[in-house]
């Protein structure tokens, strides 16, 4: 049986590119490039790369990027976009829990919940962090965004998603469980063929101390967490209870 995220992304690559949350690519890549100290020879793996927006922009800037995503339609769209701009990028269909690289990259990025924390068990989410960590070098760095567990303690996820009703992908009946820190919801969306679909899903919110513990258990020495504003990542953006997402930067 397909997981909710597989159904959501199996034939929605073109519509995905029109969603509001993908419009911050330039600013996000500016931040990533600064974190790389502008080392143009750096190799980057983009996990849960979707249609390749970060991989393509970073390749334009001279970096060597490999993109991996579970959705074959998203990867096909990424390849088409790269080809249209005469860019050579390795895009792979693959599971973030089983990345086929070891000690290969200077940096791993996982933007906009690119796999983590969409899995249905905490163990599966941890396997993503573990697999991504194994793909980067011993002095490597990981940058990712994830759902901020402080947000639903003080705010309603149901009210938050109501503000997004004009988007193609609409969330309804959000129900946050304080015992598991999982938000359960229904999603309505239209795929690229014009078919309207509805699925039930859930995703895990993490509090900062959990992220610290998980990354320390994987050997990271320096872990920093900030608020994540669309297209405006900044080390000056202190994480608050108003941030739906948090930005995690960790060095081995």
Protein backbone atom coordinates (compact mmCIF):
# COMPACT_ATOMS: atom_id res chain seq x y z
CA UNK A 1 0.00 0.00 0.00
CA UNK A 2 1.34 3.42 -0.93
CA UNK A 3 2.28 5.85 1.81
CA UNK A 4 0.51 9.22 1.83
CA UNK A 5 3.59 11.09 0.68
CA UNK A 6 4.04 8.69 -2.25
CA UNK A 7 0.49 9.38 -3.42
CA UNK A 8 0.97 13.12 -2.95
CA UNK A 9 4.12 13.30 -5.06
CA UNK A 10 3.59 10.53 -7.61
CA UNK A 11 2.21 12.75 -10.39
CA UNK A 12 2.31 16.32 -9.16
CA UNK A 13 5.70 17.59 -10.29
CA UNK A 14 4.42 20.48 -12.41
CA UNK A 15 1.90 21.59 -9.81
CA UNK A 16 4.61 21.26 -7.16
CA UNK A 17 6.66 23.91 -8.96
CA UNK A 18 3.76 26.35 -8.57
CA UNK A 19 3.38 25.96 -4.80
CA UNK A 20 4.15 28.97 -2.61
CA UNK A 21 6.70 27.15 -0.46
CA UNK A 22 9.09 26.58 -3.39
CA UNK A 23 9.51 30.28 -4.16
CA UNK A 24 12.42 30.94 -1.81
CA UNK A 25 15.10 29.08 -3.75
CA UNK A 26 17.46 31.97 -4.51
CA UNK A 27 17.65 33.23 -0.94
CA UNK A 28 18.01 29.71 0.44
CA UNK A 29 20.85 28.96 -1.96
CA UNK A 30 22.54 32.23 -1.00
CA UNK A 31 22.56 30.97 2.59
CA UNK A 32 23.80 27.49 1.62
CA UNK A 33 26.59 28.99 -0.48
CA UNK A 34 27.68 31.17 2.41
CA UNK A 35 27.74 28.13 4.71
CA UNK A 36 30.01 26.44 2.16
CA UNK A 37 32.33 29.45 2.37
CA UNK A 38 31.96 29.66 -1.43
CA UNK A 39 34.12 26.55 -2.02
CA UNK A 40 33.16 25.99 -5.65
CA UNK A 41 34.66 22.49 -5.77
CA UNK A 42 32.38 21.27 -3.01
CA UNK A 43 30.17 18.26 -3.63
CA UNK A 44 26.62 18.46 -2.31
CA UNK A 45 23.86 15.89 -1.99
CA UNK A 46 20.31 17.26 -2.14
CA UNK A 47 18.07 14.78 -0.31
CA UNK A 48 14.39 14.88 -1.14
CA UNK A 49 15.36 17.18 -4.00
CA UNK A 50 11.87 17.27 -5.51
CA UNK A 51 11.99 18.86 -8.97
CA UNK A 52 15.58 19.96 -8.42
CA UNK A 53 15.20 23.63 -7.59
CA UNK A 54 18.12 23.84 -5.14
CA UNK A 55 20.28 21.38 -7.11
CA UNK A 56 19.81 23.36 -10.31
CA UNK A 57 20.50 26.75 -8.73
CA UNK A 58 23.60 25.48 -6.91
CA UNK A 59 24.89 23.84 -10.09
CA UNK A 60 24.54 27.16 -11.88
CA UNK A 61 26.78 28.61 -9.19
CA UNK A 62 29.49 26.05 -9.89
CA UNK A 63 28.88 23.33 -7.31
CA UNK A 64 28.72 19.60 -8.01
CA UNK A 65 25.29 18.44 -6.89
CA UNK A 66 23.60 15.05 -6.73
CA UNK A 67 19.84 15.03 -6.20
CA UNK A 68 17.87 12.10 -4.84
CA UNK A 69 14.12 11.72 -4.36
CA UNK A 70 11.64 8.89 -3.84
CA UNK A 71 9.28 10.21 -6.53
CA UNK A 72 10.14 9.20 -10.09
CA UNK A 73 7.89 11.94 -11.52
CA UNK A 74 9.67 14.60 -9.47
CA UNK A 75 13.05 13.30 -10.63
CA UNK A 76 11.90 13.21 -14.25
CA UNK A 77 10.78 16.82 -13.96
CA UNK A 78 14.14 17.75 -12.40
CA UNK A 79 16.00 16.12 -15.29
CA UNK A 80 13.87 17.97 -17.83
CA UNK A 81 14.49 21.31 -16.14
CA UNK A 82 18.24 20.69 -15.94
CA UNK A 83 18.39 19.62 -19.59
CA UNK A 84 16.51 22.74 -20.68
CA UNK A 85 19.26 24.81 -19.09
CA UNK A 86 22.09 22.62 -20.43
CA UNK A 87 23.12 21.53 -16.94
CA UNK A 88 24.60 18.12 -16.14
CA UNK A 89 23.25 16.99 -12.78
CA UNK A 90 23.00 13.49 -11.39
CA UNK A 91 19.37 12.97 -10.36
CA UNK A 92 18.50 9.62 -8.80
CA UNK A 93 15.27 7.93 -7.76
CA UNK A 94 15.98 6.57 -4.32
CA UNK A 95 14.95 6.19 -0.70
CA UNK A 96 16.52 8.66 1.76
CA UNK A 97 16.79 5.82 4.27
CA UNK A 98 19.12 3.94 1.90
CA UNK A 99 21.34 6.50 0.19
CA UNK A 100 23.93 4.66 -1.96
CA UNK A 101 26.90 6.86 -1.02
CA UNK A 102 29.48 6.78 1.77
CA UNK A 103 31.82 9.63 2.77
CA UNK A 104 31.21 11.29 -0.61
CA UNK A 105 29.99 14.84 -0.01
CA UNK A 106 31.12 17.97 1.79
CA UNK A 107 27.52 18.92 2.50
CA UNK A 108 24.06 17.40 2.59
CA UNK A 109 20.96 19.55 2.27
CA UNK A 110 17.39 18.47 2.97
CA UNK A 111 15.06 21.38 2.38
CA UNK A 112 11.35 21.77 2.96
CA UNK A 113 10.91 18.46 4.79
CA UNK A 114 12.67 16.47 2.08
CA UNK A 115 11.81 13.09 3.57
CA UNK A 116 12.51 13.83 7.23
CA UNK A 117 10.10 14.16 9.12
CA UNK A 118 7.44 12.66 6.84
CA UNK A 119 8.00 9.02 7.82
CA UNK A 120 5.36 7.33 9.90
CA UNK A 121 7.67 6.13 12.68
CA UNK A 122 10.43 7.85 14.61
CA UNK A 123 12.74 4.97 13.73
CA UNK A 124 12.27 5.60 10.00
CA UNK A 125 12.94 9.31 10.45
CA UNK A 126 16.14 8.47 12.31
CA UNK A 127 17.18 6.15 9.48
CA UNK A 128 17.02 9.12 7.13
CA UNK A 129 19.33 11.19 9.32
CA UNK A 130 21.66 8.22 9.69
CA UNK A 131 21.77 7.49 5.95
CA UNK A 132 22.30 11.15 5.03
CA UNK A 133 25.06 11.43 7.62
CA UNK A 134 26.88 8.43 6.21
CA UNK A 135 26.90 10.03 2.76
CA UNK A 136 28.94 13.04 3.88
CA UNK A 137 32.63 13.18 4.75
CA UNK A 138 34.05 13.04 8.28
CA UNK A 139 34.29 16.84 8.43
CA UNK A 140 31.05 17.37 6.53
CA UNK A 141 28.03 19.53 7.25
CA UNK A 142 24.29 18.97 7.04
CA UNK A 143 21.68 21.70 6.59
CA UNK A 144 18.00 20.86 6.77
CA UNK A 145 14.63 22.27 7.68
CA UNK A 146 12.13 20.40 9.79
CA UNK A 147 8.88 21.02 11.66
CA UNK A 148 9.27 22.99 14.86
CA UNK A 149 7.71 21.15 17.80
CA UNK A 150 7.43 24.39 19.78
CA UNK A 151 4.89 25.72 17.27
CA UNK A 152 1.93 23.37 17.89
CA UNK A 153 2.33 23.64 21.67
CA UNK A 154 1.43 27.32 21.47
CA UNK A 155 -0.45 27.52 18.15
CA UNK A 156 -3.10 25.63 16.19
CA UNK A 157 -1.85 23.68 13.17
CA UNK A 158 -5.43 23.69 11.92
CA UNK A 159 -5.54 27.50 11.93
CA UNK A 160 -2.09 27.67 10.31
CA UNK A 161 -3.13 25.52 7.35
CA UNK A 162 -6.32 27.54 6.80
CA UNK A 163 -4.11 30.42 5.69
CA UNK A 164 -2.91 28.26 2.79
CA UNK A 165 -6.30 27.44 1.26
CA UNK A 166 -5.53 29.11 -2.07
CA UNK A 167 -2.68 26.68 -2.76
CA UNK A 168 -3.13 23.54 -4.87
CA UNK A 169 -2.30 21.29 -1.92
CA UNK A 170 -4.80 21.94 0.88
CA UNK A 171 -4.61 20.55 4.40
CA UNK A 172 -7.80 19.96 6.42
CA UNK A 173 -8.78 18.67 9.86
CA UNK A 174 -5.33 18.92 11.39
CA UNK A 175 -5.16 17.14 14.75
CA UNK A 176 -1.92 17.47 16.72
CA UNK A 177 -1.20 14.69 19.23
CA UNK A 178 0.82 15.91 22.22
CA UNK A 179 1.77 12.36 23.18
CA UNK A 180 3.52 11.61 19.88
CA UNK A 181 4.12 15.11 18.52
CA UNK A 182 2.50 13.99 15.29
CA UNK A 183 0.08 16.13 13.32
CA UNK A 184 -2.62 14.08 11.60
CA UNK A 185 -4.44 15.63 8.64
CA UNK A 186 -6.30 15.20 5.36
CA UNK A 187 -4.84 16.54 2.11
CA UNK A 188 -6.80 17.50 -0.99
CA UNK A 189 -4.88 18.21 -4.18
CA UNK A 190 -5.02 18.05 -7.95
CA UNK A 191 -2.35 16.08 -9.79
CA UNK A 192 -0.76 17.05 -13.11
CA UNK A 193 -3.43 15.13 -15.03
CA UNK A 194 -6.20 17.16 -13.41
CA UNK A 195 -7.33 14.36 -11.09
CA UNK A 196 -8.55 15.52 -7.68
CA UNK A 197 -7.29 13.32 -4.86
CA UNK A 198 -7.61 13.12 -1.11
CA UNK A 199 -5.30 11.29 1.30
CA UNK A 200 -4.81 11.07 5.05
CA UNK A 201 -1.33 11.57 6.43
CA UNK A 202 0.71 12.58 9.42
CA UNK A 203 4.08 14.15 10.06
CA UNK A 204 6.36 14.47 13.08
CA UNK A 205 7.17 17.75 14.81
CA UNK A 206 10.49 17.82 16.69
CA UNK A 207 11.55 20.02 19.57
CA UNK A 208 15.13 21.39 19.40
CA UNK A 209 16.47 19.16 22.21
CA UNK A 210 15.34 16.05 20.29
CA UNK A 211 17.18 17.18 17.16
CA UNK A 212 20.28 17.86 19.25
CA UNK A 213 20.15 14.39 20.78
CA UNK A 214 19.57 12.63 17.45
CA UNK A 215 22.45 14.43 15.73
CA UNK A 216 24.84 14.01 18.65
CA UNK A 217 24.13 10.26 18.55
CA UNK A 218 25.29 10.35 14.91
CA UNK A 219 28.58 12.02 15.76
CA UNK A 220 27.89 15.67 15.05
CA UNK A 221 30.02 17.99 17.17
CA UNK A 222 28.40 21.35 16.56
CA UNK A 223 24.63 21.70 16.20
CA UNK A 224 22.84 25.01 15.69
CA UNK A 225 19.12 25.62 15.28
CA UNK A 226 17.40 28.75 13.98
CA UNK A 227 14.02 29.87 12.73
CA UNK A 228 13.36 29.08 9.06
CA UNK A 229 11.78 31.86 7.03
CA UNK A 230 10.91 31.13 3.39
CA UNK A 231 13.80 32.29 1.22
CA UNK A 232 15.33 34.22 4.10
CA UNK A 233 17.46 31.77 6.07
CA UNK A 234 19.63 33.62 8.57
CA UNK A 235 21.78 32.88 11.59
CA UNK A 236 20.25 35.99 13.10
CA UNK A 237 16.77 34.41 13.09
CA UNK A 238 16.35 33.06 16.61
CA UNK A 239 13.91 30.15 16.82
CA UNK A 240 10.61 31.05 18.47
CA UNK A 241 7.24 29.44 19.12
CA UNK A 242 5.91 31.33 16.07
CA UNK A 243 8.20 29.51 13.61
CA UNK A 244 6.45 26.62 11.87
CA UNK A 245 9.81 25.31 10.67
CA UNK A 246 13.30 25.34 12.07
CA UNK A 247 16.62 25.47 10.28
CA UNK A 248 19.24 22.99 11.48
CA UNK A 249 22.96 23.32 10.77
CA UNK A 250 25.28 20.60 12.05
CA UNK A 251 29.00 19.90 11.61
CA UNK A 252 30.71 16.58 12.20
